[in-house]
Amino acid sequence: MYICTGTPNTEENVTETPSTWLLMDDRASHRSQILGVAERLGWPVTVKEVRYNRLAAFANVFLGKHLWHATPETKTSIALPWPDLVIAAGRRSAPVALAIKKQSPHTKLVHLMWPDSKAGAFDLIALPEHDDISRKGDNILRALGSPHRVMLANLNMEAARWHNSVGRLPRPWIALLIGGSARGAEYEDADFKTLAAYASAEAERLGGSLLITSSPRTGEKGEELIKTILTVPHIFHRWKPASDNPYMAFLGLADVIIVTGDSVSMCSEACATGKPVYIFMPPHLDKGKKNFRESLFALGAAKPHTYPIRLDWQPARLPDAAAEIAHAIRTGLFKFAE
């Protein structure tokens, strides 16, 4: 990604590539979604690292258009020259975007996921189709799944970096992408054990191996429970902050993918590869994001893990949400022809 330091254009006369800020917080899924849209746009960008203090726990109706919940370093970085476009994701970044708009009315605001703020203040809000269907408006774009960075070039580059580490393992290579507990949807010990037993049994049946990555929500206990059940050759990357994560490499290298259904982002990324995808979801948590998973099954982009893995199954490819959002920005917000 490149850094744009030019003078912002006015709303009435955008003749050059719009200057763009990406508001990036510490959540991996937010960063991936924002970068996915930015990469589809192909415009120079400036990354603004946004960090929060304890006031971020307050509702956005209280924070409004202020930077009260931002750290001093963040407040210092949010300054002139103002950009033509801001792309942000998640509830906490919405007041930051609105504070920029307050200072720079010409700036276009694009928000990924529901901002939990006054929707009319944003120029474009991108929501997954399974989100609350009562949310409507001319500035709302809906797509099946989340925007992501899964493009052939990215997958091939990361796969090449990790191929030597994986090449010794027997094929087929089965990527196992593990999420975990979320608010109101807590994984039990038995869920992690069942997941590991299922993945091991399928890999053993096929004579293959597992390429495993965990996530921040898996937790050390979940990782240990999975580790104790594994019975086949594998690589297990345990998530750590700032580690060299092979997640994208495993997506690129895998012959088939098993992903936990608690994460819309991970399911979207898995289905974007065009490879066979099997979604694992504990029965007692099945209601969480159920509409989204059922849409994937109906499209033929994935199957429940209750189906035995088939290597010859050719799934439907998930529509590219990031490309749809980038198209709406180029042609809708800035009137560029395509």
Protein backbone atom coordinates (compact mmCIF):
# COMPACT_ATOMS: atom_id res chain seq x y z
CA MET A 1 0.00 0.00 0.00
CA TYR A 2 1.20 3.51 -0.80
CA ILE A 3 1.03 6.69 1.23
CA CYS A 4 -0.88 9.62 -0.24
CA THR A 5 0.20 13.02 1.07
CA GLY A 6 -1.33 15.35 -1.52
CA THR A 7 -3.79 18.18 -0.96
CA PRO A 8 -7.39 16.92 -0.78
CA ASN A 9 -9.72 17.65 -3.67
CA THR A 10 -13.02 19.48 -3.24
CA GLU A 11 -16.32 17.66 -3.56
CA GLU A 12 -17.30 19.72 -6.59
CA ASN A 13 -14.12 19.04 -8.58
CA VAL A 14 -12.58 15.62 -7.99
CA THR A 15 -10.33 15.25 -11.03
CA GLU A 16 -7.50 13.25 -9.46
CA THR A 17 -7.36 10.08 -7.41
CA PRO A 18 -9.11 10.88 -4.11
CA SER A 19 -6.90 11.01 -1.04
CA THR A 20 -7.94 8.16 1.25
CA TRP A 21 -7.54 7.40 4.95
CA LEU A 22 -7.95 3.91 6.37
CA LEU A 23 -8.94 3.93 10.06
CA MET A 24 -7.29 0.75 11.32
CA ASP A 25 -7.88 -0.51 14.86
CA ASP A 26 -6.47 -3.58 16.59
CA ARG A 27 -9.07 -6.09 15.38
CA ALA A 28 -7.81 -8.41 12.65
CA SER A 29 -11.20 -8.82 10.96
CA HIS A 30 -11.66 -5.04 10.73
CA ARG A 31 -8.21 -4.57 9.23
CA SER A 32 -8.74 -7.35 6.70
CA GLN A 33 -12.07 -5.92 5.56
CA ILE A 34 -10.72 -2.39 5.18
CA LEU A 35 -7.60 -3.54 3.33
CA GLY A 36 -9.70 -5.75 1.07
CA VAL A 37 -11.75 -2.77 -0.09
CA ALA A 38 -8.65 -0.56 -0.42
CA GLU A 39 -6.85 -3.17 -2.51
CA ARG A 40 -9.83 -3.48 -4.86
CA LEU A 41 -9.89 0.32 -5.20
CA GLY A 42 -6.19 0.44 -6.02
CA TRP A 43 -5.85 4.05 -4.83
CA PRO A 44 -2.98 5.45 -2.73
CA VAL A 45 -3.91 5.44 0.94
CA THR A 46 -2.77 6.70 4.29
CA VAL A 47 -3.17 4.27 7.18
CA LYS A 48 -4.30 5.89 10.42
CA GLU A 49 -3.72 3.57 13.38
CA VAL A 50 -6.62 4.16 15.76
CA ARG A 51 -6.43 3.13 19.41
CA TYR A 52 -8.96 3.67 22.17
CA ASN A 53 -9.17 4.42 25.88
CA ARG A 54 -11.75 3.22 28.39
CA LEU A 55 -14.41 5.57 27.05
CA ALA A 56 -14.71 3.31 24.00
CA ALA A 57 -17.01 1.14 26.12
CA PHE A 58 -19.61 3.92 26.04
CA ALA A 59 -22.33 3.85 23.38
CA ASN A 60 -21.77 5.86 20.23
CA VAL A 61 -24.83 7.98 21.03
CA PHE A 62 -22.72 9.40 23.88
CA LEU A 63 -19.46 9.69 21.90
CA GLY A 64 -21.19 11.37 18.97
CA LYS A 65 -18.75 13.22 16.66
CA HIS A 66 -15.91 13.44 19.17
CA LEU A 67 -12.54 11.78 19.78
CA TRP A 68 -13.11 11.42 23.52
CA HIS A 69 -12.51 7.66 23.35
CA ALA A 70 -9.28 7.93 21.32
CA THR A 71 -5.75 7.87 22.72
CA PRO A 72 -3.62 11.05 22.58
CA GLU A 73 -1.51 9.56 19.77
CA THR A 74 -4.64 8.90 17.73
CA LYS A 75 -5.95 12.41 18.29
CA THR A 76 -2.64 13.86 17.13
CA SER A 77 -2.71 11.83 13.91
CA ILE A 78 -6.27 12.88 12.99
CA ALA A 79 -5.35 16.27 11.57
CA LEU A 80 -4.97 18.36 8.42
CA PRO A 81 -4.79 17.88 5.50
CA TRP A 82 -8.21 16.19 5.50
CA PRO A 83 -8.83 13.36 3.04
CA ASP A 84 -11.45 12.98 0.34
CA LEU A 85 -12.40 9.51 1.60
CA VAL A 86 -12.37 7.67 4.93
CA ILE A 87 -12.87 3.90 5.15
CA ALA A 88 -13.53 2.45 8.61
CA ALA A 89 -14.99 -0.68 10.18
CA GLY A 90 -16.69 -1.55 13.45
CA ARG A 91 -18.62 0.44 16.03
CA ARG A 92 -15.71 2.11 17.81
CA SER A 93 -14.29 3.79 14.70
CA ALA A 94 -17.59 5.46 13.74
CA PRO A 95 -17.21 8.49 16.07
CA VAL A 96 -13.66 8.99 14.73
CA ALA A 97 -15.00 9.08 11.17
CA LEU A 98 -17.77 11.47 12.18
CA ALA A 99 -15.27 13.76 13.93
CA ILE A 100 -13.36 13.98 10.63
CA LYS A 101 -16.57 14.76 8.75
CA LYS A 102 -17.35 17.51 11.25
CA GLN A 103 -14.04 19.20 10.43
CA SER A 104 -14.16 18.38 6.69
CA PRO A 105 -17.72 18.24 5.29
CA HIS A 106 -16.48 17.31 1.80
CA THR A 107 -14.94 14.05 3.08
CA LYS A 108 -16.85 10.90 2.09
CA LEU A 109 -17.37 8.33 4.85
CA VAL A 110 -17.53 4.62 4.04
CA HIS A 111 -18.29 2.31 6.95
CA LEU A 112 -18.06 -1.47 6.98
CA MET A 113 -20.59 -3.11 9.32
CA TRP A 114 -23.22 -1.21 11.26
CA PRO A 115 -21.71 1.98 12.76
CA ASP A 116 -24.17 2.15 15.67
CA SER A 117 -24.36 5.88 14.97
CA LYS A 118 -26.65 8.10 12.92
CA ALA A 119 -26.72 6.20 9.63
CA GLY A 120 -27.54 9.24 7.51
CA ALA A 121 -24.20 10.83 8.38
CA PHE A 122 -22.34 8.20 6.35
CA ASP A 123 -22.09 8.26 2.58
CA LEU A 124 -21.97 4.47 2.29
CA ILE A 125 -22.58 1.71 4.84
CA ALA A 126 -21.74 -1.83 3.73
CA LEU A 127 -23.65 -4.56 5.56
CA PRO A 128 -23.78 -8.33 5.12
CA GLU A 129 -27.13 -9.61 3.87
CA HIS A 130 -27.79 -11.57 7.06
CA ASP A 131 -27.63 -8.43 9.24
CA ASP A 132 -30.83 -6.90 10.65
CA ILE A 133 -33.08 -6.61 7.60
CA SER A 134 -34.94 -3.64 9.11
CA ARG A 135 -31.92 -1.46 8.37
CA LYS A 136 -32.63 0.24 5.05
CA GLY A 137 -31.53 3.36 3.24
CA ASP A 138 -30.17 4.68 -0.03
CA ASN A 139 -26.68 4.73 1.47
CA ILE A 140 -26.74 1.05 2.53
CA LEU A 141 -25.12 -1.60 0.35
CA ARG A 142 -25.70 -5.25 1.17
CA ALA A 143 -23.50 -8.16 0.16
CA LEU A 144 -23.37 -11.85 0.97
CA GLY A 145 -20.44 -12.17 3.32
CA SER A 146 -17.73 -9.78 4.46
CA PRO A 147 -15.16 -7.92 2.36
CA HIS A 148 -11.73 -9.56 2.53
CA ARG A 149 -8.22 -9.71 1.08
CA VAL A 150 -8.56 -13.10 -0.60
CA MET A 151 -7.31 -12.52 -4.13
CA LEU A 152 -5.24 -14.91 -6.23
CA ALA A 153 -2.12 -12.74 -6.09
CA ASN A 154 -2.25 -12.48 -2.28
CA LEU A 155 -2.85 -16.22 -1.86
CA ASN A 156 -0.05 -17.20 -4.25
CA MET A 157 2.46 -14.87 -2.61
CA GLU A 158 1.75 -16.17 0.90
CA ALA A 159 1.56 -19.80 -0.26
CA ALA A 160 5.03 -19.51 -1.82
CA ARG A 161 6.48 -18.25 1.47
CA TRP A 162 5.13 -21.21 3.43
CA HIS A 163 5.34 -24.00 0.88
CA ASN A 164 8.62 -25.42 2.19
CA SER A 165 7.18 -25.72 5.70
CA VAL A 166 4.08 -27.54 4.43
CA GLY A 167 5.55 -29.56 1.56
CA ARG A 168 6.72 -32.44 3.77
CA LEU A 169 3.17 -33.20 4.90
CA PRO A 170 1.03 -35.78 3.06
CA ARG A 171 -1.74 -34.52 0.80
CA PRO A 172 -4.52 -33.63 0.66
CA TRP A 173 -3.82 -30.58 2.77
CA ILE A 174 -6.86 -29.64 4.86
CA ALA A 175 -6.84 -26.13 6.29
CA LEU A 176 -8.54 -25.92 9.69
CA LEU A 177 -9.48 -22.33 10.57
CA ILE A 178 -10.55 -22.02 14.19
CA GLY A 179 -12.57 -19.19 15.69
CA GLY A 180 -14.08 -19.45 19.14
CA SER A 181 -16.31 -17.84 21.71
CA ALA A 182 -18.16 -14.59 21.11
CA ARG A 183 -20.53 -12.61 23.30
CA GLY A 184 -23.54 -14.82 24.01
CA ALA A 185 -22.03 -17.78 22.14
CA GLU A 186 -19.50 -19.53 24.34
CA TYR A 187 -17.61 -22.55 23.07
CA GLU A 188 -17.53 -25.45 25.51
CA ASP A 189 -14.54 -27.78 25.98
CA ALA A 190 -16.43 -30.53 24.17
CA ASP A 191 -16.87 -28.31 21.10
CA PHE A 192 -13.12 -27.93 20.57
CA LYS A 193 -12.62 -31.66 21.10
CA THR A 194 -15.38 -32.51 18.61
CA LEU A 195 -13.88 -30.17 16.03
CA ALA A 196 -10.41 -31.69 16.41
CA ALA A 197 -11.78 -35.24 16.26
CA TYR A 198 -13.79 -34.48 13.11
CA ALA A 199 -10.85 -32.85 11.33
CA SER A 200 -8.47 -35.63 12.34
CA ALA A 201 -10.87 -38.36 11.25
CA GLU A 202 -11.40 -36.78 7.82
CA ALA A 203 -7.67 -36.21 7.29
CA GLU A 204 -6.94 -39.81 8.29
CA ARG A 205 -9.67 -41.14 5.99
CA LEU A 206 -8.21 -39.19 3.08
CA GLY A 207 -4.59 -39.93 3.95
CA GLY A 208 -3.83 -36.23 4.32
CA SER A 209 -2.79 -33.69 6.93
CA LEU A 210 -4.04 -30.56 8.67
CA LEU A 211 -2.89 -26.94 8.33
CA ILE A 212 -4.29 -25.35 11.48
CA THR A 213 -4.58 -21.73 12.58
CA SER A 214 -6.32 -20.43 15.67
CA SER A 215 -7.60 -16.91 16.37
CA PRO A 216 -7.74 -14.52 19.33
CA ARG A 217 -11.13 -15.96 20.33
CA THR A 218 -9.87 -19.55 20.46
CA GLY A 219 -7.87 -19.01 23.62
CA GLU A 220 -5.01 -21.06 25.03
CA LYS A 221 -7.33 -23.58 26.65
CA GLY A 222 -9.13 -24.20 23.37
CA GLU A 223 -5.82 -24.61 21.57
CA GLU A 224 -4.62 -27.15 24.16
CA LEU A 225 -7.84 -29.14 23.95
CA ILE A 226 -7.52 -29.34 20.17
CA LYS A 227 -3.85 -30.29 20.37
CA THR A 228 -4.56 -33.26 22.63
CA ILE A 229 -7.07 -34.77 20.17
CA LEU A 230 -5.06 -34.50 16.94
CA THR A 231 -3.99 -37.86 15.51
CA VAL A 232 -2.67 -36.95 12.04
CA PRO A 233 0.31 -35.04 10.62
CA HIS A 234 -0.23 -31.32 11.03
CA ILE A 235 1.11 -27.81 11.42
CA PHE A 236 -0.56 -25.88 14.23
CA HIS A 237 -0.03 -22.12 14.25
CA ARG A 238 -1.25 -20.69 17.53
CA TRP A 239 -2.38 -17.10 17.22
CA LYS A 240 -0.13 -14.50 18.81
CA PRO A 241 -0.09 -10.72 18.35
CA ALA A 242 2.31 -9.56 15.66
CA SER A 243 3.28 -13.12 14.71
CA ASP A 244 3.99 -14.27 11.15
CA ASN A 245 0.54 -15.73 10.63
CA PRO A 246 0.23 -18.35 7.85
CA TYR A 247 -3.55 -17.89 7.62
CA MET A 248 -3.53 -16.60 4.03
CA ALA A 249 -0.87 -19.12 3.07
CA PHE A 250 -2.98 -22.01 4.35
CA LEU A 251 -5.95 -20.71 2.35
CA GLY A 252 -3.75 -20.69 -0.73
CA LEU A 253 -2.14 -24.09 -0.13
CA ALA A 254 -5.18 -26.04 1.06
CA ASP A 255 -6.97 -28.61 -1.07
CA VAL A 256 -10.02 -28.29 1.17
CA ILE A 257 -10.99 -26.04 4.07
CA ILE A 258 -12.75 -26.61 7.40
CA VAL A 259 -13.79 -23.38 9.13
CA THR A 260 -15.77 -22.68 12.29
CA GLY A 261 -19.09 -20.98 11.58
CA ASP A 262 -18.87 -18.38 14.35
CA SER A 263 -16.86 -16.01 12.13
CA VAL A 264 -18.50 -14.41 9.09
CA SER A 265 -15.10 -13.08 8.02
CA MET A 266 -13.36 -16.46 8.08
CA CYS A 267 -16.25 -18.20 6.32
CA SER A 268 -16.29 -15.48 3.66
CA GLU A 269 -12.53 -15.77 3.14
CA ALA A 270 -12.67 -19.55 2.92
CA CYS A 271 -15.51 -19.50 0.38
CA ALA A 272 -13.73 -16.86 -1.72
CA THR A 273 -10.98 -19.36 -2.56
CA GLY A 274 -13.32 -21.49 -4.69
CA LYS A 275 -12.14 -24.59 -2.82
CA PRO A 276 -14.39 -27.10 -1.02
CA VAL A 277 -15.42 -25.55 2.31
CA TYR A 278 -17.00 -27.36 5.26
CA ILE A 279 -18.39 -25.27 8.11
CA PHE A 280 -18.28 -26.59 11.67
CA MET A 281 -20.78 -25.20 14.16
CA PRO A 282 -21.61 -26.70 17.55
CA PRO A 283 -25.33 -27.57 17.67
CA HIS A 284 -25.98 -25.51 20.81
CA LEU A 285 -24.57 -22.40 19.06
CA ASP A 286 -26.23 -23.00 15.70
CA LYS A 287 -28.58 -20.00 15.90
CA GLY A 288 -25.68 -17.54 15.82
CA LYS A 289 -25.33 -16.19 12.24
CA LYS A 290 -27.50 -19.07 11.05
CA ASN A 291 -29.02 -17.06 8.18
CA PHE A 292 -25.57 -16.36 6.80
CA ARG A 293 -24.47 -19.99 6.88
CA GLU A 294 -27.74 -21.16 5.33
CA SER A 295 -27.22 -18.64 2.51
CA LEU A 296 -23.79 -20.15 1.84
CA PHE A 297 -25.28 -23.65 1.79
CA ALA A 298 -28.11 -22.58 -0.53
CA LEU A 299 -25.63 -20.93 -2.91
CA GLY A 300 -23.51 -24.07 -2.95
CA ALA A 301 -20.46 -22.20 -1.66
CA ALA A 302 -20.07 -24.43 1.43
CA LYS A 303 -21.47 -27.49 3.16
CA PRO A 304 -22.09 -28.31 6.84
CA HIS A 305 -19.42 -30.43 8.48
CA THR A 306 -21.95 -33.26 8.77
CA TYR A 307 -21.14 -34.07 5.13
CA PRO A 308 -18.03 -36.19 4.51
CA ILE A 309 -15.27 -34.27 2.75
CA ARG A 310 -15.13 -34.74 -1.02
CA LEU A 311 -12.14 -33.47 -2.95
CA ASP A 312 -13.95 -33.59 -6.28
CA TRP A 313 -16.72 -31.21 -5.20
CA GLN A 314 -16.62 -27.88 -7.05
CA PRO A 315 -18.38 -25.22 -4.94
CA ALA A 316 -19.91 -21.99 -6.17
CA ARG A 317 -17.65 -19.00 -5.64
CA LEU A 318 -18.86 -16.37 -3.20
CA PRO A 319 -19.50 -12.92 -4.75
CA ASP A 320 -16.65 -10.49 -4.03
CA ALA A 321 -18.09 -8.10 -1.43
CA ALA A 322 -14.93 -5.96 -1.39
CA ALA A 323 -15.10 -5.49 -5.16
CA GLU A 324 -18.79 -4.53 -4.93
CA ILE A 325 -18.01 -1.92 -2.27
CA ALA A 326 -15.04 -0.56 -4.25
CA HIS A 327 -17.25 -0.26 -7.33
CA ALA A 328 -19.86 1.68 -5.34
CA ILE A 329 -17.16 4.05 -4.06
CA ARG A 330 -15.67 4.69 -7.50
CA THR A 331 -18.88 5.07 -9.47
CA GLY A 332 -21.36 6.16 -6.82
CA LEU A 333 -19.42 8.45 -4.49
CA PHE A 334 -16.80 9.84 -6.88
CA LYS A 335 -18.52 9.36 -10.28
CA PHE A 336 -15.55 7.68 -11.95
CA ALA A 337 -16.41 5.66 -15.05
CA GLU A 338 -15.50 1.97 -15.19
